[in-house]
N, C-alpha and C. Protein backbone atom coordinates (compact mmCIF):
# COMPACT_ATOMS: atom_id res chain seq x y z
N MET A 1 36.05 -6.27 12.78
CA MET A 1 34.91 -5.45 13.30
C MET A 1 35.17 -5.27 14.90
N LYS A 2 34.90 -3.97 15.27
CA LYS A 2 35.10 -3.65 16.70
C LYS A 2 33.81 -4.08 17.56
N ARG A 3 34.06 -4.69 18.67
CA ARG A 3 32.99 -5.07 19.51
C ARG A 3 32.86 -4.04 20.68
N THR A 4 31.51 -3.97 21.11
CA THR A 4 31.29 -3.07 22.22
C THR A 4 30.24 -3.85 23.07
N ILE A 5 30.20 -3.33 24.32
CA ILE A 5 29.30 -3.84 25.36
C ILE A 5 28.00 -3.10 25.27
N ILE A 6 26.83 -3.94 25.12
CA ILE A 6 25.49 -3.17 25.27
C ILE A 6 24.91 -3.67 26.56
N GLN A 7 24.34 -2.75 27.30
CA GLN A 7 23.73 -3.09 28.58
C GLN A 7 22.21 -2.99 28.36
N LEU A 8 21.48 -4.04 28.53
CA LEU A 8 20.07 -4.06 28.51
C LEU A 8 19.45 -4.55 29.77
N SER A 9 18.33 -4.04 30.19
CA SER A 9 17.62 -4.47 31.28
C SER A 9 16.83 -5.65 30.92
N GLU A 10 16.29 -6.44 31.93
CA GLU A 10 15.39 -7.63 31.57
C GLU A 10 14.25 -7.18 30.66
N GLU A 11 13.63 -6.06 31.11
CA GLU A 11 12.44 -5.57 30.24
C GLU A 11 12.95 -5.29 28.77
N GLN A 12 14.02 -4.63 28.63
CA GLN A 12 14.46 -4.27 27.30
C GLN A 12 14.84 -5.50 26.44
N LEU A 13 15.44 -6.59 27.05
CA LEU A 13 15.78 -7.73 26.45
C LEU A 13 14.45 -8.38 25.98
N ASP A 14 13.46 -8.54 26.85
CA ASP A 14 12.14 -9.14 26.62
C ASP A 14 11.38 -8.46 25.46
N TYR A 15 11.46 -7.06 25.49
CA TYR A 15 10.85 -6.32 24.38
C TYR A 15 11.50 -6.48 23.04
N LEU A 16 12.86 -6.54 23.07
CA LEU A 16 13.58 -6.78 21.85
C LEU A 16 13.36 -8.11 21.21
N LEU A 17 13.24 -9.21 22.08
CA LEU A 17 12.90 -10.53 21.59
C LEU A 17 11.43 -10.56 21.02
N ASP A 18 10.56 -9.83 21.70
CA ASP A 18 9.15 -9.87 21.25
C ASP A 18 9.01 -9.05 20.03
N SER A 19 9.92 -8.12 19.81
CA SER A 19 9.92 -7.27 18.52
C SER A 19 10.38 -7.97 17.32
N MET A 20 11.25 -9.00 17.48
CA MET A 20 11.76 -9.74 16.41
C MET A 20 10.68 -10.56 15.64
N PRO A 21 10.86 -10.76 14.27
CA PRO A 21 9.78 -11.52 13.59
C PRO A 21 9.84 -13.01 13.99
N ILE A 22 8.85 -13.69 13.83
CA ILE A 22 8.80 -15.02 14.12
C ILE A 22 9.80 -15.83 13.33
N PRO A 23 10.54 -16.79 13.94
CA PRO A 23 11.66 -17.52 13.26
C PRO A 23 11.12 -18.29 12.00
N THR A 24 11.84 -18.31 11.02
CA THR A 24 11.49 -19.07 9.82
C THR A 24 12.74 -20.05 9.45
N GLU A 25 12.40 -21.07 8.61
CA GLU A 25 13.47 -21.89 8.15
C GLU A 25 14.46 -21.23 7.30
N ASP A 26 14.17 -20.29 6.61
CA ASP A 26 15.16 -19.50 5.70
C ASP A 26 15.69 -18.35 6.34
N GLU A 27 15.65 -18.26 7.79
CA GLU A 27 16.24 -17.09 8.47
C GLU A 27 17.72 -17.07 8.30
N SER A 28 18.23 -15.89 8.32
CA SER A 28 19.66 -15.65 8.15
C SER A 28 20.42 -16.28 9.39
N PRO A 29 21.47 -16.96 9.26
CA PRO A 29 22.30 -17.43 10.41
C PRO A 29 22.59 -16.43 11.47
N ILE A 30 22.89 -15.17 11.00
CA ILE A 30 23.27 -14.05 11.90
C ILE A 30 22.12 -13.81 12.69
N ILE A 31 20.88 -13.71 12.13
CA ILE A 31 19.61 -13.44 12.95
C ILE A 31 19.33 -14.61 13.93
N ARG A 32 19.53 -15.72 13.52
CA ARG A 32 19.39 -16.96 14.44
C ARG A 32 20.27 -16.93 15.55
N SER A 33 21.57 -16.66 15.21
CA SER A 33 22.61 -16.53 16.32
C SER A 33 22.21 -15.40 17.33
N LEU A 34 21.86 -14.31 16.73
CA LEU A 34 21.40 -13.21 17.70
C LEU A 34 20.25 -13.57 18.52
N ARG A 35 19.24 -14.06 18.00
CA ARG A 35 18.02 -14.56 18.68
C ARG A 35 18.43 -15.38 19.88
N GLU A 36 19.30 -16.46 19.59
CA GLU A 36 19.66 -17.43 20.54
C GLU A 36 20.57 -16.72 21.74
N ARG A 37 21.39 -15.90 21.29
CA ARG A 37 22.21 -15.22 22.32
C ARG A 37 21.27 -14.24 23.16
N LEU A 38 20.33 -13.57 22.65
CA LEU A 38 19.55 -12.81 23.49
C LEU A 38 18.64 -13.62 24.39
N GLN A 39 18.12 -14.77 23.94
CA GLN A 39 17.34 -15.68 24.64
C GLN A 39 18.12 -16.23 25.83
N GLN A 40 19.40 -16.63 25.54
CA GLN A 40 20.31 -17.09 26.58
C GLN A 40 20.58 -16.11 27.63
N ALA A 41 20.74 -14.88 27.25
CA ALA A 41 21.13 -13.77 28.18
C ALA A 41 19.87 -13.41 29.03
N LEU A 42 18.68 -13.48 28.44
CA LEU A 42 17.49 -13.22 29.22
C LEU A 42 17.32 -14.36 30.24
N LEU A 43 17.55 -15.58 29.91
CA LEU A 43 17.43 -16.72 30.83
C LEU A 43 18.32 -16.53 31.99
N GLU A 44 19.52 -16.29 31.61
CA GLU A 44 20.56 -16.09 32.77
C GLU A 44 20.29 -14.86 33.58
N MET A 45 19.75 -13.80 32.93
CA MET A 45 19.43 -12.62 33.74
C MET A 45 18.26 -12.93 34.69
N ARG A 46 17.38 -13.72 34.32
CA ARG A 46 16.19 -13.99 35.19
C ARG A 46 16.68 -15.04 36.27
N GLN A 47 17.66 -15.86 36.08
CA GLN A 47 18.08 -16.69 37.12
C GLN A 47 19.03 -15.97 38.15
N ASP A 48 19.50 -14.83 37.81
CA ASP A 48 20.42 -14.06 38.71
C ASP A 48 19.61 -13.32 39.72
N LYS A 49 19.86 -13.43 41.04
CA LYS A 49 19.09 -12.84 42.13
C LYS A 49 19.03 -11.35 41.99
N ASP A 50 20.13 -10.65 41.62
CA ASP A 50 20.22 -9.25 41.64
C ASP A 50 19.54 -8.49 40.37
N GLY A 51 19.19 -9.36 39.41
CA GLY A 51 18.61 -8.78 38.23
C GLY A 51 19.68 -8.34 37.24
N LYS A 52 20.85 -8.70 37.44
CA LYS A 52 22.01 -8.21 36.56
C LYS A 52 22.40 -9.45 35.71
N ALA A 53 22.78 -9.31 34.51
CA ALA A 53 23.18 -10.34 33.67
C ALA A 53 24.48 -10.97 34.10
N VAL A 54 24.71 -12.30 34.24
CA VAL A 54 25.86 -12.87 34.66
C VAL A 54 26.72 -13.49 33.58
N ALA A 55 26.07 -13.34 32.32
CA ALA A 55 26.88 -14.00 31.19
C ALA A 55 27.87 -13.04 30.56
N ASP A 56 28.94 -13.65 30.13
CA ASP A 56 29.92 -12.87 29.46
C ASP A 56 30.17 -13.47 27.97
N TYR A 57 29.70 -12.75 26.98
CA TYR A 57 29.81 -13.24 25.65
C TYR A 57 30.91 -12.62 24.85
N SER A 58 31.82 -12.03 25.52
CA SER A 58 32.81 -11.19 24.84
C SER A 58 33.87 -12.13 24.05
N ASN A 59 33.99 -13.32 24.45
CA ASN A 59 34.90 -14.23 23.79
C ASN A 59 34.20 -15.38 23.11
N SER A 60 33.00 -15.28 22.92
CA SER A 60 32.20 -16.44 22.30
C SER A 60 32.38 -16.41 20.76
N ASN A 61 32.47 -17.57 20.21
CA ASN A 61 32.52 -17.74 18.73
C ASN A 61 31.11 -17.67 18.07
N SER A 62 30.89 -16.71 17.31
CA SER A 62 29.57 -16.54 16.57
C SER A 62 29.73 -15.98 15.24
N ASN A 63 28.59 -15.92 14.53
CA ASN A 63 28.50 -15.31 13.30
C ASN A 63 28.45 -13.79 13.29
N LEU A 64 28.36 -13.20 14.51
CA LEU A 64 28.21 -11.82 14.63
C LEU A 64 29.51 -11.00 14.47
N SER A 65 30.64 -11.76 14.46
CA SER A 65 31.92 -10.98 14.46
C SER A 65 32.24 -10.39 13.14
């Protein structure tokens, strides 16, 4: 599967996370992984002084590949 970079602003990340359904115990591992990665990116973006994401997930091991 080919990967691509998606650029989202802090507001867009926040909106996307708010739009996702409430986590459940029987949630798909792919959805769980996506939620965790989005939350981590949002945290790192909020910690960056310039408002730009500083995380690089291009080489991470995940269920999204």
